[in-house]
Amino acid sequence: ESVVNSSTAYRSVATQLNGLGALPIPGKDLQ
């Protein structure tokens, strides 16, 4: 989850897990 947003081919699985919910996402247009 710390690197999933580095790739457009992958997605976070957090919301598919048992009660975790969405994790924080990187700031838009930030490096």
All heavy atoms as atom14 arrays in JSON, in Angstrom:
{
  "sequence": "ESVVNSSTAYRSVATQLNGLGALPIPGKDLQ",
  "atom14_mask": [
    [1, 1, 1, 1, 1, 1, 1, 1, 1, 0, 0, 0, 0, 0],
    [1, 1, 1, 1, 1, 1, 0, 0, 0, 0, 0, 0, 0, 0],
    [1, 1, 1, 1, 1, 1, 1, 0, 0, 0, 0, 0, 0, 0],
    [1, 1, 1, 1, 1, 1, 1, 0, 0, 0, 0, 0, 0, 0],
    [1, 1, 1, 1, 1, 1, 1, 1, 0, 0, 0, 0, 0, 0],
    [1, 1, 1, 1, 1, 1, 0, 0, 0, 0, 0, 0, 0, 0],
    [1, 1, 1, 1, 1, 1, 0, 0, 0, 0, 0, 0, 0, 0],
    [1, 1, 1, 1, 1, 1, 1, 0, 0, 0, 0, 0, 0, 0],
    [1, 1, 1, 1, 1, 0, 0, 0, 0, 0, 0, 0, 0, 0],
    [1, 1, 1, 1, 1, 1, 1, 1, 1, 1, 1, 1, 0, 0],
    [1, 1, 1, 1, 1, 1, 1, 1, 1, 1, 1, 0, 0, 0],
    [1, 1, 1, 1, 1, 1, 0, 0, 0, 0, 0, 0, 0, 0],
    [1, 1, 1, 1, 1, 1, 1, 0, 0, 0, 0, 0, 0, 0],
    [1, 1, 1, 1, 1, 0, 0, 0, 0, 0, 0, 0, 0, 0],
    [1, 1, 1, 1, 1, 1, 1, 0, 0, 0, 0, 0, 0, 0],
    [1, 1, 1, 1, 1, 1, 1, 1, 1, 0, 0, 0, 0, 0],
    [1, 1, 1, 1, 1, 1, 1, 1, 0, 0, 0, 0, 0, 0],
    [1, 1, 1, 1, 1, 1, 1, 1, 0, 0, 0, 0, 0, 0],
    [1, 1, 1, 1, 0, 0, 0, 0, 0, 0, 0, 0, 0, 0],
    [1, 1, 1, 1, 1, 1, 1, 1, 0, 0, 0, 0, 0, 0],
    [1, 1, 1, 1, 0, 0, 0, 0, 0, 0, 0, 0, 0, 0],
    [1, 1, 1, 1, 1, 0, 0, 0, 0, 0, 0, 0, 0, 0],
    [1, 1, 1, 1, 1, 1, 1, 1, 0, 0, 0, 0, 0, 0],
    [1, 1, 1, 1, 1, 1, 1, 0, 0, 0, 0, 0, 0, 0],
    [1, 1, 1, 1, 1, 1, 1, 1, 0, 0, 0, 0, 0, 0],
    [1, 1, 1, 1, 1, 1, 1, 0, 0, 0, 0, 0, 0, 0],
    [1, 1, 1, 1, 0, 0, 0, 0, 0, 0, 0, 0, 0, 0],
    [1, 1, 1, 1, 1, 1, 1, 1, 1, 0, 0, 0, 0, 0],
    [1, 1, 1, 1, 1, 1, 1, 1, 0, 0, 0, 0, 0, 0],
    [1, 1, 1, 1, 1, 1, 1, 1, 0, 0, 0, 0, 0, 0],
    [1, 1, 1, 1, 1, 1, 1, 1, 1, 0, 0, 0, 0, 0]
  ],
  "atom14_positions": [
    [[0.81, -1.21, 0.0], [0.0, 0.0, 0.0], [0.84, 1.26, 0.0], [0.39, 2.32, -0.45], [-0.96, -0.01, 1.2], [-2.04, -1.08, 1.12], [-3.05, -0.84, 0.02], [-3.13, 0.31, -0.5], [-3.79, -1.79, -0.33], [0.0, 0.0, 0.0], [0.0, 0.0, 0.0], [0.0, 0.0, 0.0], [0.0, 0.0, 0.0], [0.0, 0.0, 0.0]],
    [[2.08, 1.18, 0.45], [2.95, 2.36, 0.46], [3.43, 2.73, -0.93], [3.87, 3.87, -1.16], [4.15, 2.14, 1.39], [5.05, 1.18, 0.86], [0.0, 0.0, 0.0], [0.0, 0.0, 0.0], [0.0, 0.0, 0.0], [0.0, 0.0, 0.0], [0.0, 0.0, 0.0], [0.0, 0.0, 0.0], [0.0, 0.0, 0.0], [0.0, 0.0, 0.0]],
    [[3.35, 1.78, -1.89], [3.84, 2.06, -3.25], [2.8, 1.82, -4.33], [3.07, 2.02, -5.51], [5.1, 1.22, -3.56], [6.23, 1.58, -2.61], [4.81, -0.27, -3.53], [0.0, 0.0, 0.0], [0.0, 0.0, 0.0], [0.0, 0.0, 0.0], [0.0, 0.0, 0.0], [0.0, 0.0, 0.0], [0.0, 0.0, 0.0], [0.0, 0.0, 0.0]],
    [[1.59, 1.39, -3.96], [0.6, 1.02, -4.98], [0.26, 2.18, -5.9], [-0.03, 2.0, -7.09], [-0.67, 0.43, -4.32], [-1.45, 1.49, -3.55], [-1.54, -0.23, -5.37], [0.0, 0.0, 0.0], [0.0, 0.0, 0.0], [0.0, 0.0, 0.0], [0.0, 0.0, 0.0], [0.0, 0.0, 0.0], [0.0, 0.0, 0.0], [0.0, 0.0, 0.0]],
    [[0.32, 3.41, -5.38], [-0.02, 4.56, -6.2], [1.11, 4.99, -7.14], [0.96, 5.97, -7.87], [-0.44, 5.73, -5.31], [-1.77, 5.47, -4.64], [-2.81, 5.44, -5.28], [-1.74, 5.26, -3.32], [0.0, 0.0, 0.0], [0.0, 0.0, 0.0], [0.0, 0.0, 0.0], [0.0, 0.0, 0.0], [0.0, 0.0, 0.0], [0.0, 0.0, 0.0]],
    [[2.2, 4.23, -7.12], [3.28, 4.48, -8.08], [2.98, 3.88, -9.44], [3.65, 4.17, -10.42], [4.6, 3.9, -7.56], [4.56, 2.47, -7.58], [0.0, 0.0, 0.0], [0.0, 0.0, 0.0], [0.0, 0.0, 0.0], [0.0, 0.0, 0.0], [0.0, 0.0, 0.0], [0.0, 0.0, 0.0], [0.0, 0.0, 0.0], [0.0, 0.0, 0.0]],
    [[1.96, 3.03, -9.51], [1.65, 2.28, -10.73], [0.19, 2.47, -11.12], [-0.7, 2.31, -10.27], [1.94, 0.79, -10.52], [1.45, 0.02, -11.59], [0.0, 0.0, 0.0], [0.0, 0.0, 0.0], [0.0, 0.0, 0.0], [0.0, 0.0, 0.0], [0.0, 0.0, 0.0], [0.0, 0.0, 0.0], [0.0, 0.0, 0.0], [0.0, 0.0, 0.0]],
    [[-0.05, 2.77, -12.39], [-1.42, 2.88, -12.88], [-2.02, 1.5, -13.14], [-3.23, 1.38, -13.34], [-1.46, 3.7, -14.17], [-0.59, 3.08, -15.15], [-1.0, 5.13, -13.93], [0.0, 0.0, 0.0], [0.0, 0.0, 0.0], [0.0, 0.0, 0.0], [0.0, 0.0, 0.0], [0.0, 0.0, 0.0], [0.0, 0.0, 0.0], [0.0, 0.0, 0.0]],
    [[-1.19, 0.46, -13.13], [-1.68, -0.89, -13.42], [-2.27, -1.55, -12.18], [-3.04, -2.51, -12.3], [-0.55, -1.75, -13.98], [0.0, 0.0, 0.0], [0.0, 0.0, 0.0], [0.0, 0.0, 0.0], [0.0, 0.0, 0.0], [0.0, 0.0, 0.0], [0.0, 0.0, 0.0], [0.0, 0.0, 0.0], [0.0, 0.0, 0.0], [0.0, 0.0, 0.0]],
    [[-1.9, -1.06, -10.99], [-2.34, -1.68, -9.74], [-3.3, -0.79, -8.99], [-3.37, 0.42, -9.23], [-1.13, -1.98, -8.84], [-0.31, -3.17, -9.29], [0.59, -3.06, -10.35], [-0.42, -4.4, -8.65], [1.34, -4.16, -10.76], [0.33, -5.49, -9.03], [1.21, -5.36, -10.1], [1.96, -6.45, -10.5], [0.0, 0.0, 0.0], [0.0, 0.0, 0.0]],
    [[-4.03, -1.38, -8.06], [-4.96, -0.64, -7.22], [-4.8, -1.06, -5.76], [-4.35, -2.18, -5.46], [-6.4, -0.88, -7.66], [-6.87, -2.31, -7.5], [-8.38, -2.45, -7.7], [-8.79, -2.13, -9.06], [-10.06, -2.1, -9.45], [-11.04, -2.37, -8.57], [-10.38, -1.82, -10.69], [0.0, 0.0, 0.0], [0.0, 0.0, 0.0], [0.0, 0.0, 0.0]],
    [[-5.19, -0.2, -4.87], [-5.22, -0.54, -3.45], [-6.24, -1.65, -3.21], [-7.29, -1.7, -3.84], [-5.61, 0.7, -2.63], [-5.89, 0.34, -1.29], [0.0, 0.0, 0.0], [0.0, 0.0, 0.0], [0.0, 0.0, 0.0], [0.0, 0.0, 0.0], [0.0, 0.0, 0.0], [0.0, 0.0, 0.0], [0.0, 0.0, 0.0], [0.0, 0.0, 0.0]],
    [[-5.91, -2.54, -2.28], [-6.86, -3.59, -1.9], [-7.51, -3.29, -0.55], [-8.27, -4.1, -0.03], [-6.18, -4.98, -1.84], [-5.71, -5.41, -3.21], [-5.03, -5.01, -0.82], [0.0, 0.0, 0.0], [0.0, 0.0, 0.0], [0.0, 0.0, 0.0], [0.0, 0.0, 0.0], [0.0, 0.0, 0.0], [0.0, 0.0, 0.0], [0.0, 0.0, 0.0]],
    [[-7.24, -2.11, -0.01], [-7.68, -1.79, 1.35], [-9.18, -1.93, 1.54], [-9.65, -2.48, 2.54], [-7.23, -0.37, 1.72], [0.0, 0.0, 0.0], [0.0, 0.0, 0.0], [0.0, 0.0, 0.0], [0.0, 0.0, 0.0], [0.0, 0.0, 0.0], [0.0, 0.0, 0.0], [0.0, 0.0, 0.0], [0.0, 0.0, 0.0], [0.0, 0.0, 0.0]],
    [[-9.97, -1.44, 0.58], [-11.42, -1.5, 0.74], [-11.98, -2.9, 0.55], [-13.14, -3.15, 0.85], [-12.11, -0.55, -0.25], [-11.74, -0.91, -1.59], [-11.71, 0.89, 0.01], [0.0, 0.0, 0.0], [0.0, 0.0, 0.0], [0.0, 0.0, 0.0], [0.0, 0.0, 0.0], [0.0, 0.0, 0.0], [0.0, 0.0, 0.0], [0.0, 0.0, 0.0]],
    [[-11.14, -3.83, 0.06], [-11.57, -5.21, -0.11], [-11.28, -6.05, 1.13], [-11.68, -7.22, 1.19], [-10.87, -5.83, -1.32], [-11.13, -5.11, -2.64], [-10.29, -5.68, -3.77], [-10.43, -6.85, -4.13], [-9.41, -4.87, -4.33], [0.0, 0.0, 0.0], [0.0, 0.0, 0.0], [0.0, 0.0, 0.0], [0.0, 0.0, 0.0], [0.0, 0.0, 0.0]],
    [[-10.58, -5.48, 2.08], [-10.22, -6.2, 3.28], [-11.28, -6.01, 4.36], [-12.17, -5.17, 4.26], [-8.83, -5.78, 3.75], [-7.71, -6.04, 2.73], [-6.36, -5.57, 3.28], [-7.64, -7.51, 2.34], [0.0, 0.0, 0.0], [0.0, 0.0, 0.0], [0.0, 0.0, 0.0], [0.0, 0.0, 0.0], [0.0, 0.0, 0.0], [0.0, 0.0, 0.0]],
    [[-11.14, -6.78, 5.42], [-12.18, -6.94, 6.43], [-12.21, -5.76, 7.4], [-11.62, -5.8, 8.48], [-11.92, -8.25, 7.18], [-13.12, -8.75, 7.93], [-14.17, -8.11, 7.96], [-12.98, -9.91, 8.55], [0.0, 0.0, 0.0], [0.0, 0.0, 0.0], [0.0, 0.0, 0.0], [0.0, 0.0, 0.0], [0.0, 0.0, 0.0], [0.0, 0.0, 0.0]],
    [[-12.91, -4.67, 6.99], [-13.08, -3.53, 7.87], [-12.01, -2.47, 7.8], [-12.03, -1.53, 8.61], [0.0, 0.0, 0.0], [0.0, 0.0, 0.0], [0.0, 0.0, 0.0], [0.0, 0.0, 0.0], [0.0, 0.0, 0.0], [0.0, 0.0, 0.0], [0.0, 0.0, 0.0], [0.0, 0.0, 0.0], [0.0, 0.0, 0.0], [0.0, 0.0, 0.0]],
    [[-11.07, -2.56, 6.87], [-10.0, -1.57, 6.81], [-10.5, -0.25, 6.23], [-10.28, 0.81, 6.79], [-8.82, -2.1, 5.99], [-7.67, -1.12, 5.73], [-7.13, -0.55, 7.05], [-6.54, -1.81, 4.96], [0.0, 0.0, 0.0], [0.0, 0.0, 0.0], [0.0, 0.0, 0.0], [0.0, 0.0, 0.0], [0.0, 0.0, 0.0], [0.0, 0.0, 0.0]],
    [[-11.16, -0.27, 5.09], [-11.6, 0.96, 4.45], [-10.48, 1.61, 3.67], [-9.33, 1.15, 3.68], [0.0, 0.0, 0.0], [0.0, 0.0, 0.0], [0.0, 0.0, 0.0], [0.0, 0.0, 0.0], [0.0, 0.0, 0.0], [0.0, 0.0, 0.0], [0.0, 0.0, 0.0], [0.0, 0.0, 0.0], [0.0, 0.0, 0.0], [0.0, 0.0, 0.0]],
    [[-10.8, 2.69, 2.99], [-9.83, 3.37, 2.12], [-8.68, 3.95, 2.93], [-8.88, 4.5, 4.02], [-10.53, 4.46, 1.32], [0.0, 0.0, 0.0], [0.0, 0.0, 0.0], [0.0, 0.0, 0.0], [0.0, 0.0, 0.0], [0.0, 0.0, 0.0], [0.0, 0.0, 0.0], [0.0, 0.0, 0.0], [0.0, 0.0, 0.0], [0.0, 0.0, 0.0]],
    [[-7.49, 3.84, 2.38], [-6.3, 4.41, 2.99], [-6.02, 5.8, 2.42], [-6.53, 6.15, 1.34], [-5.09, 3.49, 2.75], [-5.12, 2.15, 3.48], [-4.0, 1.25, 2.97], [-4.98, 2.35, 4.99], [0.0, 0.0, 0.0], [0.0, 0.0, 0.0], [0.0, 0.0, 0.0], [0.0, 0.0, 0.0], [0.0, 0.0, 0.0], [0.0, 0.0, 0.0]],
    [[-5.23, 6.62, 3.1], [-4.88, 7.94, 2.58], [-4.24, 7.83, 1.19], [-3.5, 6.9, 0.92], [-3.88, 8.46, 3.61], [-4.21, 7.73, 4.87], [-4.65, 6.37, 4.44], [0.0, 0.0, 0.0], [0.0, 0.0, 0.0], [0.0, 0.0, 0.0], [0.0, 0.0, 0.0], [0.0, 0.0, 0.0], [0.0, 0.0, 0.0], [0.0, 0.0, 0.0]],
    [[-4.57, 8.78, 0.34], [-4.0, 8.78, -1.01], [-3.01, 9.93, -1.13], [-3.08, 10.91, -0.39], [-5.1, 8.9, -2.08], [-5.91, 10.19, -1.88], [-6.01, 7.68, -2.05], [-6.92, 10.44, -2.98], [0.0, 0.0, 0.0], [0.0, 0.0, 0.0], [0.0, 0.0, 0.0], [0.0, 0.0, 0.0], [0.0, 0.0, 0.0], [0.0, 0.0, 0.0]],
    [[-2.07, 9.82, -2.07], [-1.08, 10.89, -2.25], [-1.74, 12.2, -2.69], [-2.82, 12.19, -3.29], [-0.16, 10.34, -3.35], [-0.44, 8.89, -3.41], [-1.85, 8.7, -2.99], [0.0, 0.0, 0.0], [0.0, 0.0, 0.0], [0.0, 0.0, 0.0], [0.0, 0.0, 0.0], [0.0, 0.0, 0.0], [0.0, 0.0, 0.0], [0.0, 0.0, 0.0]],
    [[-1.09, 13.3, -2.39], [-1.6, 14.6, -2.82], [-1.6, 14.71, -4.34], [-0.68, 14.24, -5.02], [0.0, 0.0, 0.0], [0.0, 0.0, 0.0], [0.0, 0.0, 0.0], [0.0, 0.0, 0.0], [0.0, 0.0, 0.0], [0.0, 0.0, 0.0], [0.0, 0.0, 0.0], [0.0, 0.0, 0.0], [0.0, 0.0, 0.0], [0.0, 0.0, 0.0]],
    [[-2.64, 15.31, -4.87], [-2.78, 15.44, -6.31], [-1.69, 16.35, -6.89], [-1.4, 17.43, -6.35], [-4.16, 16.02, -6.66], [-4.47, 16.03, -8.14], [-5.88, 16.53, -8.4], [-6.19, 16.51, -9.89], [-7.57, 17.03, -10.16], [0.0, 0.0, 0.0], [0.0, 0.0, 0.0], [0.0, 0.0, 0.0], [0.0, 0.0, 0.0], [0.0, 0.0, 0.0]],
    [[-1.09, 15.88, -7.98], [-0.06, 16.62, -8.71], [1.19, 16.9, -7.88], [1.98, 17.79, -8.2], [-0.61, 17.95, -9.25], [-1.77, 17.75, -10.22], [-1.74, 16.75, -10.97], [-2.7, 18.58, -10.22], [0.0, 0.0, 0.0], [0.0, 0.0, 0.0], [0.0, 0.0, 0.0], [0.0, 0.0, 0.0], [0.0, 0.0, 0.0], [0.0, 0.0, 0.0]],
    [[1.37, 16.14, -6.8], [2.59, 16.28, -5.99], [3.56, 15.16, -6.31], [3.17, 14.05, -6.65], [2.24, 16.26, -4.5], [1.43, 17.44, -3.97], [1.1, 17.23, -2.49], [2.17, 18.76, -4.18], [0.0, 0.0, 0.0], [0.0, 0.0, 0.0], [0.0, 0.0, 0.0], [0.0, 0.0, 0.0], [0.0, 0.0, 0.0], [0.0, 0.0, 0.0]],
    [[4.83, 15.44, -6.17], [5.87, 14.45, -6.47], [6.23, 13.65, -5.22], [6.35, 14.21, -4.12], [7.12, 15.15, -7.02], [8.24, 14.19, -7.4], [9.48, 14.91, -7.9], [9.47, 16.14, -8.08], [10.56, 14.17, -8.11], [0.0, 0.0, 0.0], [0.0, 0.0, 0.0], [0.0, 0.0, 0.0], [0.0, 0.0, 0.0], [0.0, 0.0, 0.0]]
  ]
}
